[in-house]
Amino acid sequence: MTSVETLKPTRRRFTTDEYHRMAEIGVLLEDERVELIEGEILRMSAKGSRHNGCIIALDDLLREQLNRDTAMISV
């Protein structure tokens, strides 16, 4: 039998299907800001003005560098 001292916690990684199912049944709340990254569910910080400024700057940069006829841009 294994003693409690020898047990080590392990991470449980989730699949995309499991993640979506958790949202469907209410384990993850609709307004909860979380993302599934490499199998882990991570809480994300709220978008603020700094975040929005970066998105606008990145969008502008990509539009300047890429041909709009051959690339669809969504940041």
PDB file of N, CA and C in Angstrom:
ATOM      1  N   MET A   1       0.840  -1.182   0.000  1.00  0.00           N
ATOM      2  CA  MET A   1       0.000   0.000   0.000  1.00  0.00           C
ATOM      3  C   MET A   1       0.886   1.247   0.000  1.00  0.00           C
ATOM      4  N   THR A   2       0.453   2.295  -0.666  1.00  0.00           N
ATOM      5  CA  THR A   2       1.219   3.528  -0.783  1.00  0.00           C
ATOM      6  C   THR A   2       0.886   4.459   0.373  1.00  0.00           C
ATOM      7  N   SER A   3       1.919   5.040   0.968  1.00  0.00           N
ATOM      8  CA  SER A   3       1.669   5.997   2.045  1.00  0.00           C
ATOM      9  C   SER A   3       1.363   7.361   1.451  1.00  0.00           C
ATOM     10  N   VAL A   4       0.732   8.210   2.221  1.00  0.00           N
ATOM     11  CA  VAL A   4       0.361   9.549   1.777  1.00  0.00           C
ATOM     12  C   VAL A   4       1.599  10.360   1.412  1.00  0.00           C
ATOM     13  N   GLU A   5       2.682  10.145   2.091  1.00  0.00           N
ATOM     14  CA  GLU A   5       3.906  10.906   1.854  1.00  0.00           C
ATOM     15  C   GLU A   5       4.499  10.651   0.471  1.00  0.00           C
ATOM     16  N   THR A   6       4.260   9.486  -0.112  1.00  0.00           N
ATOM     17  CA  THR A   6       4.854   9.176  -1.410  1.00  0.00           C
ATOM     18  C   THR A   6       3.975   9.605  -2.584  1.00  0.00           C
ATOM     19  N   LEU A   7       2.739   9.987  -2.321  1.00  0.00           N
ATOM     20  CA  LEU A   7       1.860  10.436  -3.399  1.00  0.00           C
ATOM     21  C   LEU A   7       2.246  11.843  -3.838  1.00  0.00           C
ATOM     22  N   LYS A   8       2.343  12.022  -5.123  1.00  0.00           N
ATOM     23  CA  LYS A   8       2.666  13.341  -5.655  1.00  0.00           C
ATOM     24  C   LYS A   8       1.503  13.809  -6.520  1.00  0.00           C
ATOM     25  N   PRO A   9       1.132  15.077  -6.394  1.00  0.00           N
ATOM     26  CA  PRO A   9       0.038  15.573  -7.237  1.00  0.00           C
ATOM     27  C   PRO A   9       0.465  15.600  -8.702  1.00  0.00           C
ATOM     28  N   THR A  10      -0.467  15.298  -9.569  1.00  0.00           N
ATOM     29  CA  THR A  10      -0.209  15.365 -11.003  1.00  0.00           C
ATOM     30  C   THR A  10      -1.247  16.281 -11.640  1.00  0.00           C
ATOM     31  N   ARG A  11      -0.880  16.876 -12.744  1.00  0.00           N
ATOM     32  CA  ARG A  11      -1.810  17.749 -13.456  1.00  0.00           C
ATOM     33  C   ARG A  11      -2.729  16.912 -14.325  1.00  0.00           C
ATOM     34  N   ARG A  12      -3.972  17.305 -14.355  1.00  0.00           N
ATOM     35  CA  ARG A  12      -4.956  16.649 -15.214  1.00  0.00           C
ATOM     36  C   ARG A  12      -5.189  17.561 -16.401  1.00  0.00           C
ATOM     37  N   ARG A  13      -4.793  17.148 -17.572  1.00  0.00           N
ATOM     38  CA  ARG A  13      -4.990  17.952 -18.777  1.00  0.00           C
ATOM     39  C   ARG A  13      -6.337  17.602 -19.403  1.00  0.00           C
ATOM     40  N   PHE A  14      -6.972  18.615 -19.967  1.00  0.00           N
ATOM     41  CA  PHE A  14      -8.291  18.448 -20.554  1.00  0.00           C
ATOM     42  C   PHE A  14      -8.217  18.531 -22.071  1.00  0.00           C
ATOM     43  N   THR A  15      -9.111  17.820 -22.729  1.00  0.00           N
ATOM     44  CA  THR A  15      -9.224  17.911 -24.181  1.00  0.00           C
ATOM     45  C   THR A  15     -10.155  19.072 -24.524  1.00  0.00           C
ATOM     46  N   THR A  16     -10.153  19.450 -25.779  1.00  0.00           N
ATOM     47  CA  THR A  16     -11.051  20.513 -26.240  1.00  0.00           C
ATOM     48  C   THR A  16     -12.506  20.102 -26.026  1.00  0.00           C
ATOM     49  N   ASP A  17     -12.824  18.851 -26.320  1.00  0.00           N
ATOM     50  CA  ASP A  17     -14.197  18.368 -26.124  1.00  0.00           C
ATOM     51  C   ASP A  17     -14.614  18.456 -24.654  1.00  0.00           C
ATOM     52  N   GLU A  18     -13.723  18.079 -23.747  1.00  0.00           N
ATOM     53  CA  GLU A  18     -14.028  18.160 -22.312  1.00  0.00           C
ATOM     54  C   GLU A  18     -14.236  19.610 -21.884  1.00  0.00           C
ATOM     55  N   TYR A  19     -13.403  20.494 -22.395  1.00  0.00           N
ATOM     56  CA  TYR A  19     -13.503  21.924 -22.081  1.00  0.00           C
ATOM     57  C   TYR A  19     -14.862  22.475 -22.525  1.00  0.00           C
ATOM     58  N   HIS A  20     -15.254  22.163 -23.754  1.00  0.00           N
ATOM     59  CA  HIS A  20     -16.544  22.641 -24.262  1.00  0.00           C
ATOM     60  C   HIS A  20     -17.707  22.028 -23.486  1.00  0.00           C
ATOM     61  N   ARG A  21     -17.569  20.785 -23.108  1.00  0.00           N
ATOM     62  CA  ARG A  21     -18.620  20.123 -22.324  1.00  0.00           C
ATOM     63  C   ARG A  21     -18.768  20.786 -20.951  1.00  0.00           C
ATOM     64  N   MET A  22     -17.650  21.166 -20.335  1.00  0.00           N
ATOM     65  CA  MET A  22     -17.707  21.854 -19.040  1.00  0.00           C
ATOM     66  C   MET A  22     -18.466  23.172 -19.161  1.00  0.00           C
ATOM     67  N   ALA A  23     -18.282  23.862 -20.280  1.00  0.00           N
ATOM     68  CA  ALA A  23     -19.017  25.114 -20.502  1.00  0.00           C
ATOM     69  C   ALA A  23     -20.504  24.828 -20.697  1.00  0.00           C
ATOM     70  N   GLU A  24     -20.817  23.768 -21.432  1.00  0.00           N
ATOM     71  CA  GLU A  24     -22.216  23.413 -21.700  1.00  0.00           C
ATOM     72  C   GLU A  24     -22.989  23.086 -20.430  1.00  0.00           C
ATOM     73  N   ILE A  25     -22.360  22.373 -19.504  1.00  0.00           N
ATOM     74  CA  ILE A  25     -23.084  21.935 -18.306  1.00  0.00           C
ATOM     75  C   ILE A  25     -22.946  22.902 -17.129  1.00  0.00           C
ATOM     76  N   GLY A  26     -22.229  24.009 -17.335  1.00  0.00           N
ATOM     77  CA  GLY A  26     -22.164  25.040 -16.310  1.00  0.00           C
ATOM     78  C   GLY A  26     -20.992  24.962 -15.351  1.00  0.00           C
ATOM     79  N   VAL A  27     -20.056  24.052 -15.598  1.00  0.00           N
ATOM     80  CA  VAL A  27     -18.854  24.012 -14.756  1.00  0.00           C
ATOM     81  C   VAL A  27     -18.061  25.297 -14.968  1.00  0.00           C
ATOM     82  N   LEU A  28     -17.967  25.718 -16.219  1.00  0.00           N
ATOM     83  CA  LEU A  28     -17.360  27.007 -16.556  1.00  0.00           C
ATOM     84  C   LEU A  28     -18.500  27.978 -16.817  1.00  0.00           C
ATOM     85  N   LEU A  29     -18.493  29.096 -16.130  1.00  0.00           N
ATOM     86  CA  LEU A  29     -19.575  30.061 -16.265  1.00  0.00           C
ATOM     87  C   LEU A  29     -19.444  30.838 -17.568  1.00  0.00           C
ATOM     88  N   GLU A  30     -20.568  31.277 -18.088  1.00  0.00           N
ATOM     89  CA  GLU A  30     -20.603  31.960 -19.380  1.00  0.00           C
ATOM     90  C   GLU A  30     -19.744  33.225 -19.398  1.00  0.00           C
ATOM     91  N   ASP A  31     -19.741  33.971 -18.298  1.00  0.00           N
ATOM     92  CA  ASP A  31     -18.979  35.220 -18.258  1.00  0.00           C
ATOM     93  C   ASP A  31     -17.580  35.046 -17.660  1.00  0.00           C
ATOM     94  N   GLU A  32     -17.202  33.808 -17.390  1.00  0.00           N
ATOM     95  CA  GLU A  32     -15.885  33.531 -16.816  1.00  0.00           C
ATOM     96  C   GLU A  32     -14.825  33.621 -17.909  1.00  0.00           C
ATOM     97  N   ARG A  33     -13.772  34.382 -17.660  1.00  0.00           N
ATOM     98  CA  ARG A  33     -12.714  34.577 -18.653  1.00  0.00           C
ATOM     99  C   ARG A  33     -11.645  33.497 -18.466  1.00  0.00           C
ATOM    100  N   VAL A  34     -11.820  32.401 -19.185  1.00  0.00           N
ATOM    101  CA  VAL A  34     -10.860  31.303 -19.127  1.00  0.00           C
ATOM    102  C   VAL A  34     -10.527  30.852 -20.543  1.00  0.00           C
ATOM    103  N   GLU A  35      -9.360  30.234 -20.678  1.00  0.00           N
ATOM    104  CA  GLU A  35      -8.940  29.659 -21.953  1.00  0.00           C
ATOM    105  C   GLU A  35      -8.299  28.310 -21.692  1.00  0.00           C
ATOM    106  N   LEU A  36      -8.418  27.429 -22.664  1.00  0.00           N
ATOM    107  CA  LEU A  36      -7.758  26.132 -22.604  1.00  0.00           C
ATOM    108  C   LEU A  36      -6.442  26.263 -23.352  1.00  0.00           C
ATOM    109  N   ILE A  37      -5.336  26.155 -22.628  1.00  0.00           N
ATOM    110  CA  ILE A  37      -4.008  26.288 -23.225  1.00  0.00           C
ATOM    111  C   ILE A  37      -3.191  25.055 -22.856  1.00  0.00           C
ATOM    112  N   GLU A  38      -2.827  24.294 -23.879  1.00  0.00           N
ATOM    113  CA  GLU A  38      -2.060  23.057 -23.705  1.00  0.00           C
ATOM    114  C   GLU A  38      -2.682  22.152 -22.649  1.00  0.00           C
ATOM    115  N   GLY A  39      -4.011  22.040 -22.688  1.00  0.00           N
ATOM    116  CA  GLY A  39      -4.715  21.134 -21.797  1.00  0.00           C
ATOM    117  C   GLY A  39      -5.052  21.701 -20.432  1.00  0.00           C
ATOM    118  N   GLU A  40      -4.571  22.893 -20.125  1.00  0.00           N
ATOM    119  CA  GLU A  40      -4.846  23.507 -18.828  1.00  0.00           C
ATOM    120  C   GLU A  40      -5.845  24.640 -18.991  1.00  0.00           C
ATOM    121  N   ILE A  41      -6.760  24.746 -18.043  1.00  0.00           N
ATOM    122  CA  ILE A  41      -7.732  25.835 -18.048  1.00  0.00           C
ATOM    123  C   ILE A  41      -7.142  26.968 -17.224  1.00  0.00           C
ATOM    124  N   LEU A  42      -6.907  28.092 -17.896  1.00  0.00           N
ATOM    125  CA  LEU A  42      -6.266  29.234 -17.252  1.00  0.00           C
ATOM    126  C   LEU A  42      -7.217  30.416 -17.181  1.00  0.00           C
ATOM    127  N   ARG A  43      -7.235  31.083 -16.034  1.00  0.00           N
ATOM    128  CA  ARG A  43      -8.013  32.316 -15.896  1.00  0.00           C
ATOM    129  C   ARG A  43      -7.272  33.431 -16.615  1.00  0.00           C
ATOM    130  N   MET A  44      -8.013  34.221 -17.361  1.00  0.00           N
ATOM    131  CA  MET A  44      -7.429  35.320 -18.119  1.00  0.00           C
ATOM    132  C   MET A  44      -7.832  36.642 -17.473  1.00  0.00           C
ATOM    133  N   SER A  45      -6.936  37.608 -17.536  1.00  0.00           N
ATOM    134  CA  SER A  45      -7.250  38.918 -16.972  1.00  0.00           C
ATOM    135  C   SER A  45      -8.218  39.652 -17.897  1.00  0.00           C
ATOM    136  N   ALA A  46      -8.910  40.602 -17.325  1.00  0.00           N
ATOM    137  CA  ALA A  46      -9.868  41.392 -18.098  1.00  0.00           C
ATOM    138  C   ALA A  46      -9.134  42.257 -19.115  1.00  0.00           C
ATOM    139  N   LYS A  47      -9.787  42.481 -20.241  1.00  0.00           N
ATOM    140  CA  LYS A  47      -9.212  43.355 -21.254  1.00  0.00           C
ATOM    141  C   LYS A  47      -9.338  44.793 -20.779  1.00  0.00           C
ATOM    142  N   GLY A  48      -8.248  45.521 -20.855  1.00  0.00           N
ATOM    143  CA  GLY A  48      -8.258  46.921 -20.458  1.00  0.00           C
ATOM    144  C   GLY A  48      -7.850  47.804 -21.623  1.00  0.00           C
ATOM    145  N   SER A  49      -7.683  49.080 -21.357  1.00  0.00           N
ATOM    146  CA  SER A  49      -7.339  50.020 -22.424  1.00  0.00           C
ATOM    147  C   SER A  49      -5.956  49.717 -23.007  1.00  0.00           C
ATOM    148  N   ARG A  50      -5.028  49.252 -22.184  1.00  0.00           N
ATOM    149  CA  ARG A  50      -3.694  48.907 -22.683  1.00  0.00           C
ATOM    150  C   ARG A  50      -3.788  47.729 -23.659  1.00  0.00           C
ATOM    151  N   HIS A  51      -4.579  46.742 -23.300  1.00  0.00           N
ATOM    152  CA  HIS A  51      -4.791  45.579 -24.160  1.00  0.00           C
ATOM    153  C   HIS A  51      -5.405  46.016 -25.492  1.00  0.00           C
ATOM    154  N   ASN A  52      -6.439  46.838 -25.414  1.00  0.00           N
ATOM    155  CA  ASN A  52      -7.105  47.308 -26.630  1.00  0.00           C
ATOM    156  C   ASN A  52      -6.159  48.111 -27.511  1.00  0.00           C
ATOM    157  N   GLY A  53      -5.305  48.915 -26.906  1.00  0.00           N
ATOM    158  CA  GLY A  53      -4.323  49.679 -27.672  1.00  0.00           C
ATOM    159  C   GLY A  53      -3.360  48.771 -28.417  1.00  0.00           C
ATOM    160  N   CYS A  54      -2.936  47.699 -27.769  1.00  0.00           N
ATOM    161  CA  CYS A  54      -2.032  46.732 -28.413  1.00  0.00           C
ATOM    162  C   CYS A  54      -2.725  46.034 -29.579  1.00  0.00           C
ATOM    163  N   ILE A  55      -3.987  45.695 -29.404  1.00  0.00           N
ATOM    164  CA  ILE A  55      -4.749  45.036 -30.471  1.00  0.00           C
ATOM    165  C   ILE A  55      -4.854  45.955 -31.687  1.00  0.00           C
ATOM    166  N   ILE A  56      -5.161  47.215 -31.462  1.00  0.00           N
ATOM    167  CA  ILE A  56      -5.286  48.176 -32.561  1.00  0.00           C
ATOM    168  C   ILE A  56      -3.944  48.355 -33.272  1.00  0.00           C
ATOM    169  N   ALA A  57      -2.862  48.481 -32.496  1.00  0.00           N
ATOM    170  CA  ALA A  57      -1.534  48.655 -33.088  1.00  0.00           C
ATOM    171  C   ALA A  57      -1.131  47.429 -33.904  1.00  0.00           C
ATOM    172  N   LEU A  58      -1.399  46.237 -33.384  1.00  0.00           N
ATOM    173  CA  LEU A  58      -1.061  45.007 -34.104  1.00  0.00           C
ATOM    174  C   LEU A  58      -1.888  44.887 -35.376  1.00  0.00           C
ATOM    175  N   ASP A  59      -3.156  45.212 -35.293  1.00  0.00           N
ATOM    176  CA  ASP A  59      -4.027  45.175 -36.463  1.00  0.00           C
ATOM    177  C   ASP A  59      -3.513  46.123 -37.548  1.00  0.00           C
ATOM    178  N   ASP A  60      -3.159  47.346 -37.157  1.00  0.00           N
ATOM    179  CA  ASP A  60      -2.622  48.324 -38.115  1.00  0.00           C
ATOM    180  C   ASP A  60      -1.332  47.826 -38.759  1.00  0.00           C
ATOM    181  N   LEU A  61      -0.439  47.276 -37.946  1.00  0.00           N
ATOM    182  CA  LEU A  61       0.839  46.773 -38.448  1.00  0.00           C
ATOM    183  C   LEU A  61       0.635  45.646 -39.458  1.00  0.00           C
ATOM    184  N   LEU A  62      -0.232  44.699 -39.120  1.00  0.00           N
ATOM    185  CA  LEU A  62      -0.478  43.578 -40.026  1.00  0.00           C
ATOM    186  C   LEU A  62      -1.122  44.040 -41.326  1.00  0.00           C
ATOM    187  N   ARG A  63      -2.040  44.977 -41.239  1.00  0.00           N
ATOM    188  CA  ARG A  63      -2.689  45.486 -42.451  1.00  0.00           C
ATOM    189  C   ARG A  63      -1.684  46.195 -43.361  1.00  0.00           C
ATOM    190  N   GLU A  64      -0.707  46.873 -42.784  1.00  0.00           N
ATOM    191  CA  GLU A  64       0.331  47.535 -43.581  1.00  0.00           C
ATOM    192  C   GLU A  64       1.238  46.513 -44.265  1.00  0.00           C
ATOM    193  N   GLN A  65       1.535  45.414 -43.568  1.00  0.00           N
ATOM    194  CA  GLN A  65       2.506  44.438 -44.055  1.00  0.00           C
ATOM    195  C   GLN A  65       1.914  43.387 -44.997  1.00  0.00           C
ATOM    196  N   LEU A  66       0.629  43.121 -44.864  1.00  0.00           N
ATOM    197  CA  LEU A  66       0.011  42.050 -45.644  1.00  0.00           C
ATOM    198  C   LEU A  66      -0.929  42.611 -46.702  1.00  0.00           C
ATOM    199  N   ASN A  67      -1.025  41.898 -47.779  1.00  0.00           N
ATOM    200  CA  ASN A  67      -1.930  42.275 -48.859  1.00  0.00           C
ATOM    201  C   ASN A  67      -3.351  41.901 -48.457  1.00  0.00           C
ATOM    202  N   ARG A  68      -4.238  42.861 -48.408  1.00  0.00           N
ATOM    203  CA  ARG A  68      -5.621  42.606 -47.986  1.00  0.00           C
ATOM    204  C   ARG A  68      -6.354  41.655 -48.927  1.00  0.00           C
ATOM    205  N   ASP A  69      -5.894  41.560 -50.183  1.00  0.00           N
ATOM    206  CA  ASP A  69      -6.549  40.670 -51.139  1.00  0.00           C
ATOM    207  C   ASP A  69      -6.215  39.203 -50.885  1.00  0.00           C
ATOM    208  N   THR A  70      -5.100  38.943 -50.207  1.00  0.00           N
ATOM    209  CA  THR A  70      -4.686  37.554 -49.994  1.00  0.00           C
ATOM    210  C   THR A  70      -4.704  37.137 -48.530  1.00  0.00           C
ATOM    211  N   ALA A  71      -4.950  38.075 -47.622  1.00  0.00           N
ATOM    212  CA  ALA A  71      -4.924  37.730 -46.198  1.00  0.00           C
ATOM    213  C   ALA A  71      -6.143  38.296 -45.486  1.00  0.00           C
ATOM    214  N   MET A  72      -6.735  37.479 -44.638  1.00  0.00           N
ATOM    215  CA  MET A  72      -7.819  37.943 -43.785  1.00  0.00           C
ATOM    216  C   MET A  72      -7.220  38.196 -42.409  1.00  0.00           C
ATOM    217  N   ILE A  73      -7.432  39.378 -41.879  1.00  0.00           N
ATOM    218  CA  ILE A  73      -6.821  39.750 -40.606  1.00  0.00           C
ATOM    219  C   ILE A  73      -7.897  39.881 -39.544  1.00  0.00           C
ATOM    220  N   SER A  74      -7.686  39.195 -38.433  1.00  0.00           N
ATOM    221  CA  SER A  74      -8.582  39.297 -37.283  1.00  0.00           C
ATOM    222  C   SER A  74      -7.739  39.165 -36.031  1.00  0.00           C
ATOM    223  N   VAL A  75      -7.603  40.248 -35.296  1.00  0.00           N
ATOM    224  CA  VAL A  75      -6.773  40.241 -34.094  1.00  0.00           C
ATOM    225  C   VAL A  75      -7.668  40.315 -32.882  1.00  0.00           C
TER     226      VAL A  75
END
